[in-house]
C-alpha atoms as a PDB file:
ATOM      1  CA  MET A   1       0.023   0.480  -0.056  1.00  0.00           C
ATOM      2  CA  THR A   2       2.845   2.652   0.566  1.00  0.00           C
ATOM      3  CA  THR A   3       4.627   2.013  -2.693  1.00  0.00           C
ATOM      4  CA  HIS A   4       1.156   2.761  -4.083  1.00  0.00           C
ATOM      5  CA  LEU A   5       0.559   5.694  -2.473  1.00  0.00           C
ATOM      6  CA  SER A   6       4.275   6.968  -3.257  1.00  0.00           C
ATOM      7  CA  ARG A   7       3.860   6.201  -6.818  1.00  0.00           C
ATOM      8  CA  LEU A   8       0.781   8.110  -6.554  1.00  0.00           C
ATOM      9  CA  ALA A   9       1.984  11.397  -5.063  1.00  0.00           C
ATOM     10  CA  ARG A  10       4.578  10.925  -7.891  1.00  0.00           C
ATOM     11  CA  ARG A  11       2.481  10.776 -10.606  1.00  0.00           C
ATOM     12  CA  LEU A  12       0.240  13.722  -9.540  1.00  0.00           C
ATOM     13  CA  PHE A  13       3.412  15.673  -8.852  1.00  0.00           C
ATOM     14  CA  VAL A  14       4.798  14.970 -12.556  1.00  0.00           C
ATOM     15  CA  ALA A  15       1.280  15.876 -13.703  1.00  0.00           C
ATOM     16  CA  ALA A  16       0.859  19.343 -12.017  1.00  0.00           C
ATOM     17  CA  ALA A  17       4.492  20.335 -13.137  1.00  0.00           C
ATOM     18  CA  PHE A  18       3.640  20.015 -16.579  1.00  0.00           C
ATOM     19  CA  ALA A  19       0.261  21.032 -16.641  1.00  0.00           C
ATOM     20  CA  VAL A  20       1.232  24.367 -15.253  1.00  0.00           C
ATOM     21  CA  PRO A  21       3.842  26.473 -16.731  1.00  0.00           C
ATOM     22  CA  LEU A  22       7.534  27.471 -14.803  1.00  0.00           C
ATOM     23  CA  ALA A  23       6.480  30.962 -14.924  1.00  0.00           C
ATOM     24  CA  ALA A  24       3.058  30.906 -13.483  1.00  0.00           C
ATOM     25  CA  THR A  25       4.257  28.190 -10.787  1.00  0.00           C
ATOM     26  CA  THR A  26       4.462  31.356  -8.052  1.00  0.00           C
ATOM     27  CA  THR A  27       1.258  32.573  -8.436  1.00  0.00           C
ATOM     28  CA  PHE A  28      -1.115  29.335  -9.358  1.00  0.00           C
ATOM     29  CA  ALA A  29      -3.309  28.741  -6.267  1.00  0.00           C
ATOM     30  CA  HIS A  30      -5.849  25.680  -6.169  1.00  0.00           C
ATOM     31  CA  ALA A  31      -9.509  26.076  -5.186  1.00  0.00           C
ATOM     32  CA  ASP A  32      -9.454  25.870  -1.035  1.00  0.00           C
ATOM     33  CA  ALA A  33     -11.197  22.624   0.003  1.00  0.00           C
ATOM     34  CA  LEU A  34     -13.159  24.595   2.808  1.00  0.00           C
ATOM     35  CA  ASP A  35     -14.317  26.935   0.393  1.00  0.00           C
ATOM     36  CA  THR A  36     -15.780  24.456  -1.893  1.00  0.00           C
ATOM     37  CA  VAL A  37     -17.776  22.763   1.159  1.00  0.00           C
ATOM     38  CA  GLN A  38     -19.227  25.948   2.366  1.00  0.00           C
ATOM     39  CA  LYS A  39     -19.904  26.988  -0.877  1.00  0.00           C
ATOM     40  CA  ASN A  40     -21.801  23.654  -1.843  1.00  0.00           C
ATOM     41  CA  GLY A  41     -23.069  23.049   1.766  1.00  0.00           C
ATOM     42  CA  VAL A  42     -22.162  19.603   1.280  1.00  0.00           C
ATOM     43  CA  ILE A  43     -18.822  17.868   2.660  1.00  0.00           C
ATOM     44  CA  ARG A  44     -17.991  14.724   0.897  1.00  0.00           C
ATOM     45  CA  VAL A  45     -16.764  11.948   3.657  1.00  0.00           C
ATOM     46  CA  GLY A  46     -14.962   8.760   1.787  1.00  0.00           C
ATOM     47  CA  VAL A  47     -16.132   5.599   4.271  1.00  0.00           C
ATOM     48  CA  PHE A  48     -15.822   2.189   3.653  1.00  0.00           C
ATOM     49  CA  MET A  49     -18.966   0.446   3.432  1.00  0.00           C
ATOM     50  CA  ASP A  50     -17.853  -3.339   3.886  1.00  0.00           C
ATOM     51  CA  TYR A  51     -15.674  -2.595   6.907  1.00  0.00           C
ATOM     52  CA  PRO A  52     -17.960  -3.114  10.240  1.00  0.00           C
ATOM     53  CA  PRO A  53     -18.471  -2.330  12.950  1.00  0.00           C
ATOM     54  CA  PHE A  54     -16.809   1.485  11.044  1.00  0.00           C
ATOM     55  CA  GLY A  55     -18.861   1.211   7.982  1.00  0.00           C
ATOM     56  CA  SER A  56     -21.229  -1.576   6.468  1.00  0.00           C
ATOM     57  CA  ILE A  57     -24.909  -1.497   5.108  1.00  0.00           C
ATOM     58  CA  GLY A  58     -27.321  -2.391   7.803  1.00  0.00           C
ATOM     59  CA  PRO A  59     -30.686  -4.724   7.852  1.00  0.00           C
ATOM     60  CA  ASP A  60     -32.645  -1.545   6.714  1.00  0.00           C
ATOM     61  CA  MET A  61     -29.879  -1.303   4.018  1.00  0.00           C
ATOM     62  CA  LYS A  62     -28.709   2.021   5.333  1.00  0.00           C
ATOM     63  CA  PRO A  63     -25.246   2.400   6.256  1.00  0.00           C
ATOM     64  CA  GLN A  64     -24.245   2.271   9.502  1.00  0.00           C
ATOM     65  CA  GLY A  65     -21.245   2.155  11.983  1.00  0.00           C
ATOM     66  CA  TYR A  66     -18.709   4.102  13.930  1.00  0.00           C
ATOM     67  CA  ASP A  67     -17.616   6.244  10.843  1.00  0.00           C
ATOM     68  CA  ILE A  68     -21.107   6.759   9.695  1.00  0.00           C
ATOM     69  CA  GLU A  69     -22.263   8.157  12.724  1.00  0.00           C
ATOM     70  CA  MET A  70     -18.835  10.278  13.133  1.00  0.00           C
ATOM     71  CA  ALA A  71     -19.406  11.574   9.753  1.00  0.00           C
ATOM     72  CA  ASP A  72     -22.677  12.920  10.649  1.00  0.00           C
ATOM     73  CA  TYR A  73     -21.368  14.700  13.402  1.00  0.00           C
ATOM     74  CA  LEU A  74     -18.972  16.441  11.251  1.00  0.00           C
ATOM     75  CA  ALA A  75     -21.380  17.671   9.119  1.00  0.00           C
ATOM     76  CA  LYS A  76     -23.303  18.780  11.543  1.00  0.00           C
ATOM     77  CA  THR A  77     -20.519  20.478  13.446  1.00  0.00           C
ATOM     78  CA  MET A  78     -19.433  22.374  10.304  1.00  0.00           C
ATOM     79  CA  LYS A  79     -23.067  23.211   9.715  1.00  0.00           C
ATOM     80  CA  VAL A  80     -23.119  21.125   6.613  1.00  0.00           C
ATOM     81  CA  LYS A  81     -24.593  18.251   4.918  1.00  0.00           C
ATOM     82  CA  VAL A  82     -23.089  15.067   4.684  1.00  0.00           C
ATOM     83  CA  ASP A  83     -22.253  13.015   1.316  1.00  0.00           C
ATOM     84  CA  LEU A  84     -21.241   9.547   2.165  1.00  0.00           C
ATOM     85  CA  VAL A  85     -18.495   8.509  -0.696  1.00  0.00           C
ATOM     86  CA  PRO A  86     -18.267   4.677  -0.749  1.00  0.00           C
ATOM     87  CA  ILE A  87     -14.215   4.113  -1.038  1.00  0.00           C
ATOM     88  CA  THR A  88     -12.028   0.682  -0.999  1.00  0.00           C
ATOM     89  CA  GLY A  89      -8.722   0.441   0.212  1.00  0.00           C
ATOM     90  CA  GLU A  90      -7.246   0.779  -2.959  1.00  0.00           C
ATOM     91  CA  ASN A  91      -8.987   3.963  -4.565  1.00  0.00           C
ATOM     92  CA  ARG A  92      -9.458   6.199  -1.502  1.00  0.00           C
ATOM     93  CA  MET A  93      -6.158   7.997  -1.551  1.00  0.00           C
ATOM     94  CA  ALA A  94      -6.857   8.835  -5.530  1.00  0.00           C
ATOM     95  CA  TYR A  95     -10.666   9.751  -4.476  1.00  0.00           C
ATOM     96  CA  LEU A  96      -9.120  12.530  -2.074  1.00  0.00           C
ATOM     97  CA  ALA A  97      -6.351  13.553  -4.182  1.00  0.00           C
ATOM     98  CA  THR A  98      -8.627  13.790  -7.461  1.00  0.00           C
ATOM     99  CA  GLY A  99     -11.674  15.728  -5.723  1.00  0.00           C
ATOM    100  CA  LYS A 100     -14.227  13.048  -5.220  1.00  0.00           C
ATOM    101  CA  ALA A 101     -14.041  12.873  -1.396  1.00  0.00           C
ATOM    102  CA  ASP A 102     -13.189  16.212   0.897  1.00  0.00           C
ATOM    103  CA  VAL A 103     -12.060  13.958   3.995  1.00  0.00           C
ATOM    104  CA  LEU A 104     -11.347  10.307   4.358  1.00  0.00           C
ATOM    105  CA  LEU A 105     -12.297   8.310   7.365  1.00  0.00           C
ATOM    106  CA  SER A 106     -10.039   5.531   9.062  1.00  0.00           C
ATOM    107  CA  VAL A 107      -6.877   6.326   7.924  1.00  0.00           C
ATOM    108  CA  GLY A 108      -3.648   4.911  10.111  1.00  0.00           C
ATOM    109  CA  GLN A 109      -1.111   7.920  10.432  1.00  0.00           C
ATOM    110  CA  THR A 110       2.453   6.720   9.143  1.00  0.00           C
ATOM    111  CA  PRO A 111       5.241   8.539   7.715  1.00  0.00           C
ATOM    112  CA  GLU A 112       4.957   7.750   3.924  1.00  0.00           C
ATOM    113  CA  ARG A 113       1.117   8.793   4.309  1.00  0.00           C
ATOM    114  CA  GLU A 114       2.523  11.814   5.544  1.00  0.00           C
ATOM    115  CA  LYS A 115       3.990  13.213   2.806  1.00  0.00           C
ATOM    116  CA  ILE A 116       0.805  13.523   0.873  1.00  0.00           C
ATOM    117  CA  LEU A 117      -1.808  13.995   3.219  1.00  0.00           C
ATOM    118  CA  ASP A 118      -2.458  16.118   6.883  1.00  0.00           C
ATOM    119  CA  PHE A 119      -3.937  14.805   9.977  1.00  0.00           C
ATOM    120  CA  SER A 120      -6.381  15.362  12.659  1.00  0.00           C
ATOM    121  CA  ARG A 121      -6.322  13.990  16.292  1.00  0.00           C
ATOM    122  CA  PRO A 122      -7.411  10.086  16.601  1.00  0.00           C
ATOM    123  CA  TYR A 123     -11.280  10.005  16.260  1.00  0.00           C
ATOM    124  CA  ALA A 124     -11.305   6.086  16.710  1.00  0.00           C
ATOM    125  CA  PRO A 125      -9.301   3.792  18.415  1.00  0.00           C
ATOM    126  CA  TYR A 126      -7.678   0.792  16.576  1.00  0.00           C
ATOM    127  CA  TYR A 127      -5.226  -1.523  18.024  1.00  0.00           C
ATOM    128  CA  LEU A 128      -4.585  -5.557  18.537  1.00  0.00           C
ATOM    129  CA  ALA A 129      -5.896  -6.869  21.466  1.00  0.00           C
ATOM    130  CA  VAL A 130      -6.046 -10.511  23.035  1.00  0.00           C
ATOM    131  CA  PHE A 131      -9.551 -11.335  23.438  1.00  0.00           C
ATOM    132  CA  GLY A 132     -11.032 -14.532  25.661  1.00  0.00           C
ATOM    133  CA  PRO A 133     -13.832 -15.867  27.651  1.00  0.00           C
ATOM    134  CA  LYS A 134     -14.695 -13.503  30.713  1.00  0.00           C
ATOM    135  CA  ALA A 135     -14.367 -16.173  32.879  1.00  0.00           C
ATOM    136  CA  LEU A 136     -10.533 -16.385  32.275  1.00  0.00           C
ATOM    137  CA  PRO A 137      -8.466 -13.928  34.162  1.00  0.00           C
ATOM    138  CA  VAL A 138      -5.858 -12.423  31.568  1.00  0.00           C
ATOM    139  CA  LYS A 139      -4.877  -9.023  32.351  1.00  0.00           C
ATOM    140  CA  SER A 140      -1.462  -8.689  30.769  1.00  0.00           C
ATOM    141  CA  GLU A 141       0.884 -10.748  28.861  1.00  0.00           C
ATOM    142  CA  LYS A 142       2.269 -12.494  32.112  1.00  0.00           C
ATOM    143  CA  ASP A 143      -0.937 -13.741  32.384  1.00  0.00           C
ATOM    144  CA  LEU A 144      -0.506 -15.707  28.839  1.00  0.00           C
ATOM    145  CA  ALA A 145       1.534 -18.534  30.378  1.00  0.00           C
ATOM    146  CA  GLY A 146       0.061 -21.999  30.151  1.00  0.00           C
ATOM    147  CA  LYS A 147      -2.524 -20.793  27.580  1.00  0.00           C
ATOM    148  CA  THR A 148      -3.208 -21.310  24.174  1.00  0.00           C
ATOM    149  CA  ILE A 149      -3.393 -18.672  21.804  1.00  0.00           C
ATOM    150  CA  SER A 150      -4.735 -18.442  18.339  1.00  0.00           C
ATOM    151  CA  VAL A 151      -3.263 -15.838  15.680  1.00  0.00           C
ATOM    152  CA  ALA A 152      -3.276 -15.638  11.691  1.00  0.00           C
ATOM    153  CA  ARG A 153       0.346 -16.850  10.592  1.00  0.00           C
ATOM    154  CA  GLY A 154       3.086 -14.061   9.609  1.00  0.00           C
ATOM    155  CA  THR A 155       0.577 -11.124  10.609  1.00  0.00           C
ATOM    156  CA  LEU A 156       1.170  -8.177  12.938  1.00  0.00           C
ATOM    157  CA  GLU A 157      -0.922 -10.160  15.264  1.00  0.00           C
ATOM    158  CA  ASP A 158       1.254 -13.181  15.061  1.00  0.00           C
ATOM    159  CA  LEU A 159       4.413 -10.822  15.700  1.00  0.00           C
ATOM    160  CA  SER A 160       3.243  -8.714  18.650  1.00  0.00           C
ATOM    161  CA  VAL A 161       2.104 -11.941  20.757  1.00  0.00           C
ATOM    162  CA  THR A 162       5.101 -13.651  19.842  1.00  0.00           C
ATOM    163  CA  LYS A 163       7.059 -10.884  21.560  1.00  0.00           C
ATOM    164  CA  VAL A 164       5.164 -10.614  24.417  1.00  0.00           C
ATOM    165  CA  ALA A 165       4.112 -13.923  25.286  1.00  0.00           C
ATOM    166  CA  PRO A 166       6.161 -16.446  28.084  1.00  0.00           C
ATOM    167  CA  PRO A 167       7.845 -19.495  27.024  1.00  0.00           C
ATOM    168  CA  ASP A 168       5.401 -21.893  27.726  1.00  0.00           C
ATOM    169  CA  ALA A 169       2.093 -20.180  26.141  1.00  0.00           C
ATOM    170  CA  THR A 170       1.539 -21.902  23.146  1.00  0.00           C
ATOM    171  CA  ILE A 171       0.810 -20.207  20.035  1.00  0.00           C
ATOM    172  CA  LYS A 172      -1.513 -21.838  17.721  1.00  0.00           C
ATOM    173  CA  ARG A 173      -0.951 -20.367  13.979  1.00  0.00           C
ATOM    174  CA  PHE A 174      -3.672 -20.579  11.142  1.00  0.00           C
ATOM    175  CA  ASP A 175      -3.132 -19.601   7.866  1.00  0.00           C
ATOM    176  CA  ASP A 176      -6.179 -16.787   7.953  1.00  0.00           C
ATOM    177  CA  PRO A 177      -7.759 -14.561  10.518  1.00  0.00           C
ATOM    178  CA  ASN A 178     -10.812 -17.112   9.887  1.00  0.00           C
ATOM    179  CA  GLY A 179      -9.106 -19.689  11.159  1.00  0.00           C
ATOM    180  CA  ALA A 180      -7.703 -18.034  14.150  1.00  0.00           C
ATOM    181  CA  ILE A 181     -11.358 -17.088  15.211  1.00  0.00           C
ATOM    182  CA  SER A 182     -12.831 -20.241  14.359  1.00  0.00           C
ATOM    183  CA  ALA A 183     -10.306 -22.034  16.784  1.00  0.00           C
ATOM    184  CA  PHE A 184     -10.945 -19.627  19.513  1.00  0.00           C
ATOM    185  CA  LEU A 185     -15.104 -19.952  19.532  1.00  0.00           C
ATOM    186  CA  SER A 186     -14.667 -23.635  18.699  1.00  0.00           C
ATOM    187  CA  GLY A 187     -12.704 -24.111  21.818  1.00  0.00           C
ATOM    188  CA  GLN A 188      -9.566 -24.975  20.135  1.00  0.00           C
ATOM    189  CA  VAL A 189      -7.961 -22.444  22.331  1.00  0.00           C
ATOM    190  CA  GLN A 190      -8.654 -20.083  25.351  1.00  0.00           C
ATOM    191  CA  LEU A 191      -7.105 -17.000  23.616  1.00  0.00           C
ATOM    192  CA  MET A 192      -7.319 -14.988  20.110  1.00  0.00           C
ATOM    193  CA  VAL A 193      -5.458 -11.948  18.957  1.00  0.00           C
ATOM    194  CA  VAL A 194      -7.085  -9.702  16.503  1.00  0.00           C
ATOM    195  CA  GLY A 195      -8.054  -6.027  16.036  1.00  0.00           C
ATOM    196  CA  ASN A 196     -10.360  -4.305  18.254  1.00  0.00           C
ATOM    197  CA  ASP A 197     -12.902  -3.683  15.408  1.00  0.00           C
ATOM    198  CA  VAL A 198     -12.876  -7.681  14.416  1.00  0.00           C
ATOM    199  CA  GLY A 199     -13.246  -8.290  18.371  1.00  0.00           C
ATOM    200  CA  ALA A 200     -16.305  -6.025  18.939  1.00  0.00           C
ATOM    201  CA  THR A 201     -18.166  -8.073  15.928  1.00  0.00           C
ATOM    202  CA  ILE A 202     -17.033 -11.206  17.977  1.00  0.00           C
ATOM    203  CA  ILE A 203     -17.998  -9.863  21.170  1.00  0.00           C
ATOM    204  CA  ALA A 204     -21.471  -8.867  19.749  1.00  0.00           C
ATOM    205  CA  ARG A 205     -22.314 -12.249  17.635  1.00  0.00           C
ATOM    206  CA  ASN A 206     -21.215 -14.612  20.336  1.00  0.00           C
ATOM    207  CA  PRO A 207     -23.250 -13.674  23.672  1.00  0.00           C
ATOM    208  CA  PRO A 208     -23.085 -17.249  25.056  1.00  0.00           C
ATOM    209  CA  ILE A 209     -19.094 -17.333  25.096  1.00  0.00           C
ATOM    210  CA  ALA A 210     -19.357 -14.008  26.664  1.00  0.00           C
ATOM    211  CA  PRO A 211     -16.068 -12.866  25.062  1.00  0.00           C
ATOM    212  CA  GLU A 212     -14.060  -9.887  25.975  1.00  0.00           C
ATOM    213  CA  GLN A 213     -11.071  -7.599  25.684  1.00  0.00           C
ATOM    214  CA  LYS A 214      -8.289  -8.513  27.668  1.00  0.00           C
ATOM    215  CA  PHE A 215      -5.480  -6.411  26.772  1.00  0.00           C
ATOM    216  CA  GLN A 216      -3.918  -4.188  24.094  1.00  0.00           C
ATOM    217  CA  LEU A 217      -0.739  -5.452  22.060  1.00  0.00           C
ATOM    218  CA  PHE A 218      -0.217  -2.697  19.409  1.00  0.00           C
ATOM    219  CA  SER A 219      -2.058   0.603  18.677  1.00  0.00           C
ATOM    220  CA  SER A 220      -2.727   2.607  15.547  1.00  0.00           C
ATOM    221  CA  PRO A 221      -5.437   4.880  15.871  1.00  0.00           C
ATOM    222  CA  ASP A 222      -7.603   5.969  13.158  1.00  0.00           C
ATOM    223  CA  HIS A 223      -7.277   9.606  11.810  1.00  0.00           C
ATOM    224  CA  VAL A 224      -9.305  12.609   9.367  1.00  0.00           C
ATOM    225  CA  ALA A 225      -7.002  12.416   6.529  1.00  0.00           C
ATOM    226  CA  VAL A 226      -7.500  15.575   3.981  1.00  0.00           C
ATOM    227  CA  ASN A 227      -5.086  16.741   1.050  1.00  0.00           C
ATOM    228  CA  LYS A 228      -1.868  18.144   2.431  1.00  0.00           C
ATOM    229  CA  GLY A 229      -1.805  21.691   2.542  1.00  0.00           C
ATOM    230  CA  GLU A 230      -5.754  22.207   3.275  1.00  0.00           C
ATOM    231  CA  ALA A 231      -4.792  23.851   6.567  1.00  0.00           C
ATOM    232  CA  ARG A 232      -8.392  25.633   7.204  1.00  0.00           C
ATOM    233  CA  LEU A 233     -10.208  22.200   6.333  1.00  0.00           C
ATOM    234  CA  LEU A 234      -7.517  20.347   8.594  1.00  0.00           C
ATOM    235  CA  LYS A 235      -8.468  23.391  11.603  1.00  0.00           C
ATOM    236  CA  GLU A 236     -12.286  23.008  11.113  1.00  0.00           C
ATOM    237  CA  VAL A 237     -12.213  19.062  10.918  1.00  0.00           C
ATOM    238  CA  ASP A 238      -9.489  18.881  13.793  1.00  0.00           C
ATOM    239  CA  ALA A 239     -11.980  21.453  16.049  1.00  0.00           C
ATOM    240  CA  ALA A 240     -14.964  18.930  15.276  1.00  0.00           C
ATOM    241  CA  VAL A 241     -12.879  15.807  16.099  1.00  0.00           C
ATOM    242  CA  LEU A 242     -12.030  17.960  19.821  1.00  0.00           C
ATOM    243  CA  LYS A 243     -15.513  18.958  20.430  1.00  0.00           C
ATOM    244  CA  ALA A 244     -16.547  14.987  19.925  1.00  0.00           C
ATOM    245  CA  LYS A 245     -13.993  13.883  22.448  1.00  0.00           C
ATOM    246  CA  ASN A 246     -15.058  17.013  24.869  1.00  0.00           C
ATOM    247  CA  ASP A 247     -18.636  16.451  24.818  1.00  0.00           C
ATOM    248  CA  GLY A 248     -17.963  12.440  25.164  1.00  0.00           C
ATOM    249  CA  THR A 249     -19.339  11.278  21.379  1.00  0.00           C
ATOM    250  CA  LEU A 250     -16.559   9.490  20.724  1.00  0.00           C
ATOM    251  CA  ASN A 251     -16.780   7.589  23.688  1.00  0.00           C
ATOM    252  CA  LYS A 252     -20.622   6.833  22.926  1.00  0.00           C
ATOM    253  CA  LEU A 253     -19.441   5.679  19.779  1.00  0.00           C
ATOM    254  CA  SER A 254     -16.471   3.655  20.891  1.00  0.00           C
ATOM    255  CA  THR A 255     -18.561   2.071  23.598  1.00  0.00           C
ATOM    256  CA  LYS A 256     -21.537   1.096  21.036  1.00  0.00           C
ATOM    257  CA  TRP A 257     -19.379   0.085  18.141  1.00  0.00           C
ATOM    258  CA  LEU A 258     -16.248  -0.983  19.551  1.00  0.00           C
ATOM    259  CA  LYS A 259     -17.543  -2.286  22.845  1.00  0.00           C
ATOM    260  CA  ALA A 260     -14.673  -0.703  24.640  1.00  0.00           C
ATOM    261  CA  PRO A 261     -14.475   2.733  26.053  1.00  0.00           C
ATOM    262  CA  TYR A 262     -12.629   5.719  24.366  1.00  0.00           C
ATOM    263  CA  PRO A 263      -9.350   5.556  25.689  1.00  0.00           C
ATOM    264  CA  SER A 264      -8.279   8.404  27.719  1.00  0.00           C
ATOM    265  CA  ASP A 265      -4.854   8.738  25.986  1.00  0.00           C
ATOM    266  CA  LEU A 266      -5.858   9.484  22.558  1.00  0.00           C
END
């Protein structure tokens, strides 16, 4: 993904360089994104529609999820309407760069992405965690001693738990996440390591097992992303995220959709 992003950034830069005469580059100015949003009275928010619990299509055929409600909140705070733009992992950066979306949700902040994007403060927690039945007392990595844990082989989940697990913990590796989840649900292992989004879905769908989050392993929170240089739009978005944190909205969204409170340190 990072290779794709860097290639896209270079292509956009080269295209812009050849499209604008050299003598005009010092005076050329693009349309300010915030002006466009305010003029149209609409903010176009790129969201995943196949990424529960952040975004999906509900039984009533309407979009639902953490990001869907966050997009609505963002628009109301900015006093405009919201236009949800369905995106994929492959097209979302291009949609933002070409103006099909004004902002993107569910974007992790990385050094590579910082070359072409600016980021708001975190609005949603995303992390890897150990999950297990409520009856099993596990609070930290030392409590993994003697336990069996399922992970998808070769993933960040695998690397993270392998790094902290005691020598007598048994890590069972599966070819894909579904295999690791199935092993946990069927009782083949006592614990599993997945993202908090997947964990929240499992908690909601399997009340008889009473699964719960035990502790976090690796954190990479989600941000709202805008095109590089859109300082005015970023300021408005960042203010909305801060407002959502201070008025308890982020905690309500996290508790509702991720089955855990919004982390106080984000």
